[in-house]
């Protein structure tokens, strides 16, 4: 690990990268949730199936969003 001072451009790119990671994770989570839980909104399904689709959609979307944030930030750190 080096102890050199970071330039202003290097300091500015960190919040931009964090913002990109969060925005792309939210988009991915919304698309995955809509894909999995969408049939519950369109069709009349039994309540147990609707609840299962909503819970599984939310959990898969949350996990994938977290993985996306970690992946983007890890790739950025490795790139530097």
PDB file of N, CA and C in Angstrom:
ATOM      1  N   UNK A   1       0.843  -1.171   0.000  1.00  0.00           N
ATOM      2  CA  UNK A   1       0.000   0.000   0.000  1.00  0.00           C
ATOM      3  C   UNK A   1       0.890   1.236   0.000  1.00  0.00           C
ATOM      4  N   UNK A   2       0.601   2.149  -0.880  1.00  0.00           N
ATOM      5  CA  UNK A   2       1.386   3.370  -0.959  1.00  0.00           C
ATOM      6  C   UNK A   2       0.781   4.447  -0.075  1.00  0.00           C
ATOM      7  N   UNK A   3       1.623   5.412   0.277  1.00  0.00           N
ATOM      8  CA  UNK A   3       1.157   6.499   1.139  1.00  0.00           C
ATOM      9  C   UNK A   3       1.191   7.835   0.411  1.00  0.00           C
ATOM     10  N   UNK A   4       1.103   7.827  -0.905  1.00  0.00           N
ATOM     11  CA  UNK A   4       1.131   9.081  -1.656  1.00  0.00           C
ATOM     12  C   UNK A   4      -0.213   9.787  -1.541  1.00  0.00           C
ATOM     13  N   UNK A   5      -0.195  11.077  -1.775  1.00  0.00           N
ATOM     14  CA  UNK A   5      -1.425  11.871  -1.724  1.00  0.00           C
ATOM     15  C   UNK A   5      -2.240  11.622  -2.983  1.00  0.00           C
ATOM     16  N   UNK A   6      -3.538  11.563  -2.835  1.00  0.00           N
ATOM     17  CA  UNK A   6      -4.435  11.373  -3.975  1.00  0.00           C
ATOM     18  C   UNK A   6      -4.717  12.718  -4.628  1.00  0.00           C
ATOM     19  N   UNK A   7      -4.843  12.690  -5.928  1.00  0.00           N
ATOM     20  CA  UNK A   7      -5.210  13.910  -6.645  1.00  0.00           C
ATOM     21  C   UNK A   7      -6.707  14.176  -6.452  1.00  0.00           C
ATOM     22  N   UNK A   8      -7.114  15.367  -6.845  1.00  0.00           N
ATOM     23  CA  UNK A   8      -8.528  15.722  -6.725  1.00  0.00           C
ATOM     24  C   UNK A   8      -9.390  14.820  -7.604  1.00  0.00           C
ATOM     25  N   UNK A   9      -8.903  14.464  -8.777  1.00  0.00           N
ATOM     26  CA  UNK A   9      -9.658  13.575  -9.670  1.00  0.00           C
ATOM     27  C   UNK A   9      -9.841  12.198  -9.039  1.00  0.00           C
ATOM     28  N   UNK A  10      -8.829  11.694  -8.377  1.00  0.00           N
ATOM     29  CA  UNK A  10      -8.945  10.391  -7.707  1.00  0.00           C
ATOM     30  C   UNK A  10      -9.925  10.457  -6.542  1.00  0.00           C
ATOM     31  N   UNK A  11      -9.930  11.567  -5.831  1.00  0.00           N
ATOM     32  CA  UNK A  11     -10.879  11.715  -4.720  1.00  0.00           C
ATOM     33  C   UNK A  11     -12.301  11.871  -5.239  1.00  0.00           C
ATOM     34  N   UNK A  12     -12.467  12.520  -6.389  1.00  0.00           N
ATOM     35  CA  UNK A  12     -13.799  12.721  -6.953  1.00  0.00           C
ATOM     36  C   UNK A  12     -14.380  11.452  -7.553  1.00  0.00           C
ATOM     37  N   UNK A  13     -13.541  10.561  -8.003  1.00  0.00           N
ATOM     38  CA  UNK A  13     -14.083   9.373  -8.661  1.00  0.00           C
ATOM     39  C   UNK A  13     -14.651   8.354  -7.679  1.00  0.00           C
ATOM     40  N   UNK A  14     -14.287   8.423  -6.429  1.00  0.00           N
ATOM     41  CA  UNK A  14     -14.796   7.464  -5.440  1.00  0.00           C
ATOM     42  C   UNK A  14     -16.304   7.634  -5.210  1.00  0.00           C
ATOM     43  N   UNK A  15     -16.810   8.850  -4.918  1.00  0.00           N
ATOM     44  CA  UNK A  15     -18.268   8.960  -4.745  1.00  0.00           C
ATOM     45  C   UNK A  15     -19.049   8.701  -6.032  1.00  0.00           C
ATOM     46  N   UNK A  16     -18.452   9.011  -7.171  1.00  0.00           N
ATOM     47  CA  UNK A  16     -19.120   8.720  -8.437  1.00  0.00           C
ATOM     48  C   UNK A  16     -19.270   7.218  -8.611  1.00  0.00           C
ATOM     49  N   UNK A  17     -18.229   6.486  -8.285  1.00  0.00           N
ATOM     50  CA  UNK A  17     -18.273   5.030  -8.416  1.00  0.00           C
ATOM     51  C   UNK A  17     -19.265   4.422  -7.429  1.00  0.00           C
ATOM     52  N   UNK A  18     -19.324   4.956  -6.225  1.00  0.00           N
ATOM     53  CA  UNK A  18     -20.303   4.472  -5.240  1.00  0.00           C
ATOM     54  C   UNK A  18     -21.716   4.753  -5.723  1.00  0.00           C
ATOM     55  N   UNK A  19     -21.941   5.943  -6.251  1.00  0.00           N
ATOM     56  CA  UNK A  19     -23.257   6.278  -6.781  1.00  0.00           C
ATOM     57  C   UNK A  19     -23.657   5.372  -7.930  1.00  0.00           C
ATOM     58  N   UNK A  20     -22.707   5.098  -8.832  1.00  0.00           N
ATOM     59  CA  UNK A  20     -22.987   4.193  -9.942  1.00  0.00           C
ATOM     60  C   UNK A  20     -23.319   2.791  -9.425  1.00  0.00           C
ATOM     61  N   UNK A  21     -22.578   2.331  -8.436  1.00  0.00           N
ATOM     62  CA  UNK A  21     -22.831   1.001  -7.889  1.00  0.00           C
ATOM     63  C   UNK A  21     -24.227   0.920  -7.281  1.00  0.00           C
ATOM     64  N   UNK A  22     -24.619   1.931  -6.532  1.00  0.00           N
ATOM     65  CA  UNK A  22     -25.942   1.918  -5.904  1.00  0.00           C
ATOM     66  C   UNK A  22     -27.064   2.059  -6.930  1.00  0.00           C
ATOM     67  N   UNK A  23     -26.878   2.933  -7.908  1.00  0.00           N
ATOM     68  CA  UNK A  23     -27.910   3.128  -8.920  1.00  0.00           C
ATOM     69  C   UNK A  23     -28.103   1.876  -9.774  1.00  0.00           C
ATOM     70  N   UNK A  24     -27.004   1.268 -10.194  1.00  0.00           N
ATOM     71  CA  UNK A  24     -27.132   0.055 -11.010  1.00  0.00           C
ATOM     72  C   UNK A  24     -27.686  -1.103 -10.185  1.00  0.00           C
ATOM     73  N   UNK A  25     -27.377  -1.144  -8.883  1.00  0.00           N
ATOM     74  CA  UNK A  25     -27.931  -2.189  -8.021  1.00  0.00           C
ATOM     75  C   UNK A  25     -29.435  -2.005  -7.838  1.00  0.00           C
ATOM     76  N   UNK A  26     -29.876  -0.766  -7.689  1.00  0.00           N
ATOM     77  CA  UNK A  26     -31.325  -0.502  -7.573  1.00  0.00           C
ATOM     78  C   UNK A  26     -32.053  -0.883  -8.853  1.00  0.00           C
ATOM     79  N   UNK A  27     -31.472  -0.556  -9.994  1.00  0.00           N
ATOM     80  CA  UNK A  27     -32.096  -0.918 -11.262  1.00  0.00           C
ATOM     81  C   UNK A  27     -32.168  -2.432 -11.418  1.00  0.00           C
ATOM     82  N   UNK A  28     -31.077  -3.118 -11.110  1.00  0.00           N
ATOM     83  CA  UNK A  28     -31.069  -4.579 -11.202  1.00  0.00           C
ATOM     84  C   UNK A  28     -32.096  -5.181 -10.252  1.00  0.00           C
ATOM     85  N   UNK A  29     -32.162  -4.676  -9.022  1.00  0.00           N
ATOM     86  CA  UNK A  29     -33.125  -5.183  -8.057  1.00  0.00           C
ATOM     87  C   UNK A  29     -34.561  -4.974  -8.510  1.00  0.00           C
ATOM     88  N   UNK A  30     -34.840  -3.817  -9.093  1.00  0.00           N
ATOM     89  CA  UNK A  30     -36.202  -3.541  -9.568  1.00  0.00           C
ATOM     90  C   UNK A  30     -36.582  -4.459 -10.720  1.00  0.00           C
ATOM     91  N   UNK A  31     -35.664  -4.681 -11.639  1.00  0.00           N
ATOM     92  CA  UNK A  31     -35.949  -5.560 -12.784  1.00  0.00           C
ATOM     93  C   UNK A  31     -36.167  -6.993 -12.318  1.00  0.00           C
ATOM     94  N   UNK A  32     -35.319  -7.469 -11.414  1.00  0.00           N
ATOM     95  CA  UNK A  32     -35.456  -8.848 -10.924  1.00  0.00           C
ATOM     96  C   UNK A  32     -36.744  -9.004 -10.129  1.00  0.00           C
ATOM     97  N   UNK A  33     -37.049  -8.028  -9.265  1.00  0.00           N
ATOM     98  CA  UNK A  33     -38.276  -8.112  -8.490  1.00  0.00           C
ATOM     99  C   UNK A  33     -39.500  -8.111  -9.401  1.00  0.00           C
ATOM    100  N   UNK A  34     -39.508  -7.235 -10.400  1.00  0.00           N
ATOM    101  CA  UNK A  34     -40.650  -7.180 -11.321  1.00  0.00           C
ATOM    102  C   UNK A  34     -40.784  -8.472 -12.115  1.00  0.00           C
ATOM    103  N   UNK A  35     -39.666  -9.080 -12.455  1.00  0.00           N
ATOM    104  CA  UNK A  35     -39.708 -10.327 -13.207  1.00  0.00           C
ATOM    105  C   UNK A  35     -40.282 -11.470 -12.375  1.00  0.00           C
ATOM    106  N   UNK A  36     -39.862 -11.554 -11.118  1.00  0.00           N
ATOM    107  CA  UNK A  36     -40.313 -12.667 -10.279  1.00  0.00           C
ATOM    108  C   UNK A  36     -41.706 -12.416  -9.708  1.00  0.00           C
ATOM    109  N   UNK A  37     -41.949 -11.210  -9.211  1.00  0.00           N
ATOM    110  CA  UNK A  37     -43.226 -10.928  -8.552  1.00  0.00           C
ATOM    111  C   UNK A  37     -44.281 -10.387  -9.510  1.00  0.00           C
ATOM    112  N   UNK A  38     -43.926 -10.129 -10.730  1.00  0.00           N
ATOM    113  CA  UNK A  38     -44.867  -9.571 -11.702  1.00  0.00           C
ATOM    114  C   UNK A  38     -46.111 -10.409 -11.932  1.00  0.00           C
ATOM    115  N   UNK A  39     -45.980 -11.723 -12.053  1.00  0.00           N
ATOM    116  CA  UNK A  39     -47.188 -12.525 -12.256  1.00  0.00           C
ATOM    117  C   UNK A  39     -48.216 -12.392 -11.129  1.00  0.00           C
ATOM    118  N   UNK A  40     -47.773 -12.096  -9.935  1.00  0.00           N
ATOM    119  CA  UNK A  40     -48.721 -11.920  -8.823  1.00  0.00           C
ATOM    120  C   UNK A  40     -49.574 -10.674  -9.032  1.00  0.00           C
ATOM    121  N   UNK A  41     -49.041  -9.678  -9.727  1.00  0.00           N
ATOM    122  CA  UNK A  41     -49.806  -8.459  -9.977  1.00  0.00           C
ATOM    123  C   UNK A  41     -50.718  -8.591 -11.193  1.00  0.00           C
ATOM    124  N   UNK A  42     -50.370  -9.478 -12.097  1.00  0.00           N
ATOM    125  CA  UNK A  42     -51.118  -9.591 -13.355  1.00  0.00           C
ATOM    126  C   UNK A  42     -52.254 -10.608 -13.248  1.00  0.00           C
ATOM    127  N   UNK A  43     -51.962 -11.755 -12.682  1.00  0.00           N
ATOM    128  CA  UNK A  43     -52.946 -12.836 -12.637  1.00  0.00           C
ATOM    129  C   UNK A  43     -53.523 -12.981 -11.235  1.00  0.00           C
ATOM    130  N   UNK A  44     -54.699 -13.578 -11.151  1.00  0.00           N
ATOM    131  CA  UNK A  44     -55.307 -13.882  -9.864  1.00  0.00           C
ATOM    132  C   UNK A  44     -54.802 -15.251  -9.427  1.00  0.00           C
ATOM    133  N   UNK A  45     -53.883 -15.234  -8.494  1.00  0.00           N
ATOM    134  CA  UNK A  45     -53.274 -16.463  -7.985  1.00  0.00           C
ATOM    135  C   UNK A  45     -53.715 -16.689  -6.548  1.00  0.00           C
ATOM    136  N   UNK A  46     -53.576 -17.906  -6.056  1.00  0.00           N
ATOM    137  CA  UNK A  46     -53.886 -18.148  -4.641  1.00  0.00           C
ATOM    138  C   UNK A  46     -53.000 -17.268  -3.739  1.00  0.00           C
ATOM    139  N   UNK A  47     -53.520 -16.876  -2.586  1.00  0.00           N
ATOM    140  CA  UNK A  47     -52.759 -15.981  -1.700  1.00  0.00           C
ATOM    141  C   UNK A  47     -51.386 -16.521  -1.308  1.00  0.00           C
ATOM    142  N   UNK A  48     -51.276 -17.833  -1.122  1.00  0.00           N
ATOM    143  CA  UNK A  48     -49.985 -18.409  -0.743  1.00  0.00           C
ATOM    144  C   UNK A  48     -48.960 -18.252  -1.869  1.00  0.00           C
ATOM    145  N   UNK A  49     -49.405 -18.417  -3.103  1.00  0.00           N
ATOM    146  CA  UNK A  49     -48.511 -18.273  -4.243  1.00  0.00           C
ATOM    147  C   UNK A  49     -48.105 -16.808  -4.411  1.00  0.00           C
ATOM    148  N   UNK A  50     -49.055 -15.896  -4.246  1.00  0.00           N
ATOM    149  CA  UNK A  50     -48.728 -14.471  -4.345  1.00  0.00           C
ATOM    150  C   UNK A  50     -47.710 -14.066  -3.287  1.00  0.00           C
ATOM    151  N   UNK A  51     -47.909 -14.528  -2.063  1.00  0.00           N
ATOM    152  CA  UNK A  51     -46.966 -14.203  -0.997  1.00  0.00           C
ATOM    153  C   UNK A  51     -45.596 -14.796  -1.287  1.00  0.00           C
ATOM    154  N   UNK A  52     -45.563 -16.035  -1.782  1.00  0.00           N
ATOM    155  CA  UNK A  52     -44.296 -16.669  -2.115  1.00  0.00           C
ATOM    156  C   UNK A  52     -43.558 -15.893  -3.208  1.00  0.00           C
ATOM    157  N   UNK A  53     -44.282 -15.457  -4.230  1.00  0.00           N
ATOM    158  CA  UNK A  53     -43.651 -14.707  -5.312  1.00  0.00           C
ATOM    159  C   UNK A  53     -43.109 -13.364  -4.816  1.00  0.00           C
ATOM    160  N   UNK A  54     -43.863 -12.683  -3.980  1.00  0.00           N
ATOM    161  CA  UNK A  54     -43.405 -11.399  -3.450  1.00  0.00           C
ATOM    162  C   UNK A  54     -42.174 -11.561  -2.553  1.00  0.00           C
ATOM    163  N   UNK A  55     -42.212 -12.552  -1.665  1.00  0.00           N
ATOM    164  CA  UNK A  55     -41.083 -12.765  -0.754  1.00  0.00           C
ATOM    165  C   UNK A  55     -39.854 -13.230  -1.514  1.00  0.00           C
ATOM    166  N   UNK A  56     -40.033 -14.176  -2.424  1.00  0.00           N
ATOM    167  CA  UNK A  56     -38.870 -14.665  -3.174  1.00  0.00           C
ATOM    168  C   UNK A  56     -38.330 -13.582  -4.103  1.00  0.00           C
ATOM    169  N   UNK A  57     -39.201 -12.785  -4.705  1.00  0.00           N
ATOM    170  CA  UNK A  57     -38.741 -11.690  -5.556  1.00  0.00           C
ATOM    171  C   UNK A  57     -37.940 -10.662  -4.778  1.00  0.00           C
ATOM    172  N   UNK A  58     -38.426 -10.313  -3.593  1.00  0.00           N
ATOM    173  CA  UNK A  58     -37.720  -9.334  -2.770  1.00  0.00           C
ATOM    174  C   UNK A  58     -36.380  -9.870  -2.284  1.00  0.00           C
ATOM    175  N   UNK A  59     -36.351 -11.127  -1.888  1.00  0.00           N
ATOM    176  CA  UNK A  59     -35.094 -11.678  -1.376  1.00  0.00           C
ATOM    177  C   UNK A  59     -34.058 -11.854  -2.488  1.00  0.00           C
ATOM    178  N   UNK A  60     -34.471 -12.363  -3.632  1.00  0.00           N
ATOM    179  CA  UNK A  60     -33.524 -12.526  -4.741  1.00  0.00           C
ATOM    180  C   UNK A  60     -33.043 -11.164  -5.228  1.00  0.00           C
ATOM    181  N   UNK A  61     -33.935 -10.197  -5.319  1.00  0.00           N
ATOM    182  CA  UNK A  61     -33.551  -8.859  -5.761  1.00  0.00           C
ATOM    183  C   UNK A  61     -32.576  -8.212  -4.781  1.00  0.00           C
ATOM    184  N   UNK A  62     -32.809  -8.384  -3.495  1.00  0.00           N
ATOM    185  CA  UNK A  62     -31.904  -7.823  -2.488  1.00  0.00           C
ATOM    186  C   UNK A  62     -30.526  -8.440  -2.535  1.00  0.00           C
ATOM    187  N   UNK A  63     -30.479  -9.753  -2.678  1.00  0.00           N
ATOM    188  CA  UNK A  63     -29.188 -10.444  -2.742  1.00  0.00           C
ATOM    189  C   UNK A  63     -28.426 -10.031  -3.995  1.00  0.00           C
ATOM    190  N   UNK A  64     -29.099  -9.999  -5.134  1.00  0.00           N
ATOM    191  CA  UNK A  64     -28.424  -9.617  -6.370  1.00  0.00           C
ATOM    192  C   UNK A  64     -27.979  -8.159  -6.345  1.00  0.00           C
ATOM    193  N   UNK A  65     -28.754  -7.288  -5.726  1.00  0.00           N
ATOM    194  CA  UNK A  65     -28.353  -5.887  -5.619  1.00  0.00           C
ATOM    195  C   UNK A  65     -27.099  -5.749  -4.756  1.00  0.00           C
ATOM    196  N   UNK A  66     -27.044  -6.482  -3.656  1.00  0.00           N
ATOM    197  CA  UNK A  66     -25.857  -6.437  -2.800  1.00  0.00           C
ATOM    198  C   UNK A  66     -24.634  -6.982  -3.538  1.00  0.00           C
ATOM    199  N   UNK A  67     -24.820  -8.054  -4.272  1.00  0.00           N
ATOM    200  CA  UNK A  67     -23.717  -8.617  -5.050  1.00  0.00           C
ATOM    201  C   UNK A  67     -23.249  -7.619  -6.105  1.00  0.00           C
ATOM    202  N   UNK A  68     -24.186  -6.901  -6.720  1.00  0.00           N
ATOM    203  CA  UNK A  68     -23.826  -5.905  -7.734  1.00  0.00           C
ATOM    204  C   UNK A  68     -22.977  -4.784  -7.127  1.00  0.00           C
ATOM    205  N   UNK A  69     -23.361  -4.287  -5.964  1.00  0.00           N
ATOM    206  CA  UNK A  69     -22.592  -3.223  -5.316  1.00  0.00           C
ATOM    207  C   UNK A  69     -21.180  -3.708  -5.011  1.00  0.00           C
ATOM    208  N   UNK A  70     -21.068  -4.893  -4.442  1.00  0.00           N
ATOM    209  CA  UNK A  70     -19.751  -5.432  -4.108  1.00  0.00           C
ATOM    210  C   UNK A  70     -18.914  -5.631  -5.367  1.00  0.00           C
ATOM    211  N   UNK A  71     -19.523  -6.139  -6.421  1.00  0.00           N
ATOM    212  CA  UNK A  71     -18.794  -6.392  -7.658  1.00  0.00           C
ATOM    213  C   UNK A  71     -18.262  -5.098  -8.273  1.00  0.00           C
ATOM    214  N   UNK A  72     -19.104  -4.079  -8.346  1.00  0.00           N
ATOM    215  CA  UNK A  72     -18.683  -2.816  -8.956  1.00  0.00           C
ATOM    216  C   UNK A  72     -17.570  -2.168  -8.139  1.00  0.00           C
ATOM    217  N   UNK A  73     -17.726  -2.123  -6.829  1.00  0.00           N
ATOM    218  CA  UNK A  73     -16.707  -1.487  -5.997  1.00  0.00           C
ATOM    219  C   UNK A  73     -15.419  -2.298  -5.954  1.00  0.00           C
ATOM    220  N   UNK A  74     -15.522  -3.616  -5.978  1.00  0.00           N
ATOM    221  CA  UNK A  74     -14.328  -4.455  -5.992  1.00  0.00           C
ATOM    222  C   UNK A  74     -13.574  -4.281  -7.305  1.00  0.00           C
ATOM    223  N   UNK A  75     -14.310  -4.224  -8.401  1.00  0.00           N
ATOM    224  CA  UNK A  75     -13.691  -4.026  -9.709  1.00  0.00           C
ATOM    225  C   UNK A  75     -13.017  -2.664  -9.778  1.00  0.00           C
ATOM    226  N   UNK A  76     -13.645  -1.655  -9.203  1.00  0.00           N
ATOM    227  CA  UNK A  76     -13.053  -0.313  -9.189  1.00  0.00           C
ATOM    228  C   UNK A  76     -11.764  -0.301  -8.368  1.00  0.00           C
ATOM    229  N   UNK A  77     -11.774  -0.946  -7.214  1.00  0.00           N
ATOM    230  CA  UNK A  77     -10.579  -1.001  -6.381  1.00  0.00           C
ATOM    231  C   UNK A  77      -9.453  -1.777  -7.040  1.00  0.00           C
ATOM    232  N   UNK A  78      -9.786  -2.804  -7.762  1.00  0.00           N
ATOM    233  CA  UNK A  78      -8.766  -3.607  -8.451  1.00  0.00           C
ATOM    234  C   UNK A  78      -8.215  -2.845  -9.646  1.00  0.00           C
ATOM    235  N   UNK A  79      -9.069  -2.045 -10.287  1.00  0.00           N
ATOM    236  CA  UNK A  79      -8.652  -1.261 -11.459  1.00  0.00           C
ATOM    237  C   UNK A  79      -7.595  -0.233 -11.077  1.00  0.00           C
ATOM    238  N   UNK A  80      -7.709   0.332  -9.902  1.00  0.00           N
ATOM    239  CA  UNK A  80      -6.771   1.364  -9.452  1.00  0.00           C
ATOM    240  C   UNK A  80      -5.470   0.703  -9.158  1.00  0.00           C
TER     241      UNK A  80
END
